[in-house]
Every structure is written in C-alpha cells, then in structure tokens.
C-alpha atoms as a PDB file:
ATOM      1  CA  ALA A   1      -7.524   0.796 -10.182  1.00  0.00           C
ATOM      2  CA  THR A   2      -6.688   3.986  -7.769  1.00  0.00           C
ATOM      3  CA  ARG A   3     -10.141   4.915  -7.492  1.00  0.00           C
ATOM      4  CA  GLN A   4     -11.024   1.067  -6.378  1.00  0.00           C
ATOM      5  CA  TYR A   5      -8.701   1.342  -3.793  1.00  0.00           C
ATOM      6  CA  THR A   6      -9.391   4.335  -2.294  1.00  0.00           C
ATOM      7  CA  ASP A   7     -13.363   3.933  -1.944  1.00  0.00           C
ATOM      8  CA  PHE A   8     -12.217   0.308  -0.697  1.00  0.00           C
ATOM      9  CA  LEU A   9     -10.633   1.841   1.960  1.00  0.00           C
ATOM     10  CA  LEU A  10     -12.922   4.719   3.067  1.00  0.00           C
ATOM     11  CA  ALA A  11     -15.480   2.201   2.987  1.00  0.00           C
ATOM     12  CA  THR A  12     -13.547  -0.129   5.244  1.00  0.00           C
ATOM     13  CA  ALA A  13     -12.610   2.869   7.489  1.00  0.00           C
ATOM     14  CA  TRP A  14     -16.062   3.933   7.795  1.00  0.00           C
ATOM     15  CA  SER A  15     -17.868   0.174   8.017  1.00  0.00           C
ATOM     16  CA  GLN A  16     -15.127  -1.759   9.917  1.00  0.00           C
ATOM     17  CA  PRO A  17     -13.349  -1.916  13.690  1.00  0.00           C
ATOM     18  CA  ILE A  18      -9.757  -0.809  13.638  1.00  0.00           C
ATOM     19  CA  GLY A  19      -7.876  -4.041  13.239  1.00  0.00           C
ATOM     20  CA  VAL A  20      -9.933  -4.826   9.949  1.00  0.00           C
ATOM     21  CA  THR A  21      -9.118  -1.181   8.601  1.00  0.00           C
ATOM     22  CA  ALA A  22      -5.363  -1.366   9.324  1.00  0.00           C
ATOM     23  CA  VAL A  23      -5.580  -5.000   7.089  1.00  0.00           C
ATOM     24  CA  ALA A  24      -7.159  -3.062   4.662  1.00  0.00           C
ATOM     25  CA  MET A  25      -4.093  -0.458   5.018  1.00  0.00           C
ATOM     26  CA  SER A  26      -1.113  -2.767   5.220  1.00  0.00           C
ATOM     27  CA  PRO A  27      -0.200  -4.035   1.963  1.00  0.00           C
ATOM     28  CA  CYS A  28       0.238  -0.469   0.615  1.00  0.00           C
ATOM     29  CA  MET A  29       2.250   0.707   3.495  1.00  0.00           C
ATOM     30  CA  ARG A  30       4.422  -2.279   3.531  1.00  0.00           C
ATOM     31  CA  LEU A  31       4.992  -2.380  -0.225  1.00  0.00           C
ATOM     32  CA  TYR A  32       5.448   1.112  -0.391  1.00  0.00           C
ATOM     33  CA  ALA A  33       8.035   1.121   2.365  1.00  0.00           C
ATOM     34  CA  TYR A  34       9.895  -1.875   0.646  1.00  0.00           C
ATOM     35  CA  LEU A  35       9.583  -0.192  -2.892  1.00  0.00           C
ATOM     36  CA  GLY A  36      10.880   3.315  -1.325  1.00  0.00           C
ATOM     37  CA  GLN A  37      13.780   1.431   0.488  1.00  0.00           C
ATOM     38  CA  GLN A  38      14.910  -0.378  -2.843  1.00  0.00           C
ATOM     39  CA  LEU A  39      14.877   2.676  -4.838  1.00  0.00           C
ATOM     40  CA  ALA A  40      17.084   4.805  -2.514  1.00  0.00           C
ATOM     41  CA  GLN A  41      19.245   1.790  -1.842  1.00  0.00           C
ATOM     42  CA  ASN A  42      21.778   3.496  -4.395  1.00  0.00           C
ATOM     43  CA  GLY A  43      21.152   7.225  -4.090  1.00  0.00           C
ATOM     44  CA  ILE A  44      17.677   9.120  -4.989  1.00  0.00           C
ATOM     45  CA  PRO A  45      18.353   9.963  -8.602  1.00  0.00           C
ATOM     46  CA  GLU A  46      16.725  13.442 -10.130  1.00  0.00           C
ATOM     47  CA  HIS A  47      13.597  12.382 -11.985  1.00  0.00           C
ATOM     48  CA  ILE A  48       9.757  12.882 -11.763  1.00  0.00           C
ATOM     49  CA  TYR A  49       9.431  10.289  -8.473  1.00  0.00           C
ATOM     50  CA  GLN A  50      12.493  11.683  -6.406  1.00  0.00           C
ATOM     51  CA  ASP A  51      10.285  13.069  -3.845  1.00  0.00           C
ATOM     52  CA  TRP A  52       8.126   9.871  -3.501  1.00  0.00           C
ATOM     53  CA  ILE A  53      11.047   7.864  -3.212  1.00  0.00           C
ATOM     54  CA  THR A  54      12.879  10.008  -0.626  1.00  0.00           C
ATOM     55  CA  THR A  55       9.388  10.039   1.240  1.00  0.00           C
ATOM     56  CA  TYR A  56       8.418   6.391   1.085  1.00  0.00           C
ATOM     57  CA  GLY A  57      12.444   5.305   1.446  1.00  0.00           C
ATOM     58  CA  SER A  58      13.073   7.581   4.304  1.00  0.00           C
ATOM     59  CA  GLU A  59      14.094   6.188   7.854  1.00  0.00           C
ATOM     60  CA  GLU A  60      10.244   8.096   9.252  1.00  0.00           C
ATOM     61  CA  PHE A  61       8.708   5.870   6.521  1.00  0.00           C
ATOM     62  CA  GLU A  62       9.330   2.252   7.692  1.00  0.00           C
ATOM     63  CA  PRO A  63       8.529   3.220  11.419  1.00  0.00           C
ATOM     64  CA  LEU A  64       5.104   3.788  10.305  1.00  0.00           C
ATOM     65  CA  ALA A  65       4.852   0.711   7.993  1.00  0.00           C
ATOM     66  CA  ALA A  66       5.935  -1.338  11.230  1.00  0.00           C
ATOM     67  CA  GLN A  67       3.347   0.878  13.583  1.00  0.00           C
ATOM     68  CA  LEU A  68       0.418  -0.361  11.384  1.00  0.00           C
ATOM     69  CA  GLU A  69       1.470  -3.570  11.773  1.00  0.00           C
ATOM     70  CA  THR A  70       1.390  -4.092  15.086  1.00  0.00           C
ATOM     71  CA  ILE A  71      -1.922  -2.363  15.151  1.00  0.00           C
ATOM     72  CA  VAL A  72      -2.942  -5.043  12.582  1.00  0.00           C
ATOM     73  CA  GLU A  73      -1.313  -7.653  15.334  1.00  0.00           C
ATOM     74  CA  GLU A  74      -2.866  -6.060  18.167  1.00  0.00           C
ATOM     75  CA  TYR A  75      -6.873  -5.276  16.869  1.00  0.00           C
ATOM     76  CA  ALA A  76      -7.117  -8.221  14.004  1.00  0.00           C
ATOM     77  CA  GLU A  77      -8.181 -11.386  14.754  1.00  0.00           C
ATOM     78  CA  ASP A  78      -7.717 -14.124  12.174  1.00  0.00           C
ATOM     79  CA  THR A  79     -11.287 -13.922  10.698  1.00  0.00           C
ATOM     80  CA  ASN A  80     -12.380 -14.775   7.095  1.00  0.00           C
ATOM     81  CA  LEU A  81     -13.081 -11.286   7.296  1.00  0.00           C
ATOM     82  CA  ILE A  82      -9.781 -10.157   7.830  1.00  0.00           C
ATOM     83  CA  ARG A  83      -8.236 -12.973   5.579  1.00  0.00           C
ATOM     84  CA  SER A  84     -10.716 -11.345   2.772  1.00  0.00           C
ATOM     85  CA  THR A  85      -9.843  -7.515   3.733  1.00  0.00           C
ATOM     86  CA  TYR A  86      -6.172  -8.500   3.169  1.00  0.00           C
ATOM     87  CA  ARG A  87      -6.737 -10.519  -0.219  1.00  0.00           C
ATOM     88  CA  TYR A  88      -8.476  -7.825  -2.020  1.00  0.00           C
ATOM     89  CA  ALA A  89      -6.391  -5.200  -0.529  1.00  0.00           C
ATOM     90  CA  MET A  90      -3.442  -7.212  -2.156  1.00  0.00           C
ATOM     91  CA  VAL A  91      -5.821  -7.405  -5.493  1.00  0.00           C
ATOM     92  CA  CYS A  92      -5.949  -3.820  -5.539  1.00  0.00           C
ATOM     93  CA  GLU A  93      -2.395  -3.000  -4.749  1.00  0.00           C
ATOM     94  CA  ARG A  94      -1.697  -5.316  -8.078  1.00  0.00           C
ATOM     95  CA  ASP A  95      -4.373  -3.524 -10.434  1.00  0.00           C
ATOM     96  CA  PHE A  96      -2.698  -0.098  -9.401  1.00  0.00           C
ATOM     97  CA  PHE A  97       0.725  -1.487 -10.644  1.00  0.00           C
ATOM     98  CA  GLN A  98      -1.176  -3.213 -13.766  1.00  0.00           C
ATOM     99  CA  ALA A  99      -2.688  -0.117 -14.428  1.00  0.00           C
ATOM    100  CA  ALA A 100       0.078   1.393 -15.183  1.00  0.00           C
ATOM    101  CA  TRP A 101       1.622  -1.112 -17.247  1.00  0.00           C
ATOM    102  CA  GLN A 102      -1.539  -1.494 -19.429  1.00  0.00           C
ATOM    103  CA  TYR A 103      -1.898   2.602 -19.765  1.00  0.00           C
ATOM    104  CA  GLN A 104       1.875   2.420 -20.990  1.00  0.00           C
ATOM    105  CA  SER A 105       1.008  -0.553 -23.548  1.00  0.00           C
ATOM    106  CA  TYR A 106      -1.931   1.030 -24.729  1.00  0.00           C
ATOM    107  CA  ASN A 107       0.140   4.629 -25.431  1.00  0.00           C
ATOM    108  CA  ASN A 108       2.716   2.753 -26.939  1.00  0.00           C
ATOM    109  CA  ALA A 109       0.626   0.957 -29.235  1.00  0.00           C
END
C-alpha cells in the first residue's frame, strides 16, 4: 500500500502540473497533521511512535499542510483529473491504514 501511494505520487509529480501534484499530496498531509495533533493533544507518550507524533503534531507541521492547501486552491482547477487524483490519493490513504489492520489480523491468526 505504501509503495502504491509513493509510486503514484512520484508518477504524478513527474508528469503533471503543480496543482495536480499538490492535490495528490494533500490527503496525506492533512490526515497526518490531524492525526498528529489528536495524538499529541494530551501529551506525547514514550513509545515507538513518539517521533512520528512529535513531527506531525508539531506547530511547524500544520502550516506546511495549510501551505499545500493554498497551492491546491491557487493551481488546481475543478476538473475530472483533479477529482480523480484526489479520489485515488484518498483510496491510497485508506489502503495504507487498512494494510496495517490486515497485517495485524494475519499475524494474530
């Protein structure tokens, strides 16, 4: 799932204008900012994801997500390509998180 999304992002960045690339990246950036902020809300516990939460929950990451959204607003017109790119990026995000549940279920069986 990770490879699927990163391959998609690389192919989009190499072959499409900045607006399409920004749309492809935006679900990940916004989701990670949200998850990081939510997980850091009551303090960051010490565990293997501490650095991840610190990075994506930081005050420095939120402006990066907002900056990407500004690029989307400025450079991405509402077209079928933009909509399908965003939709596919969301599917990749879903599949990424679903893969973790499937892996866990598989290893607990």
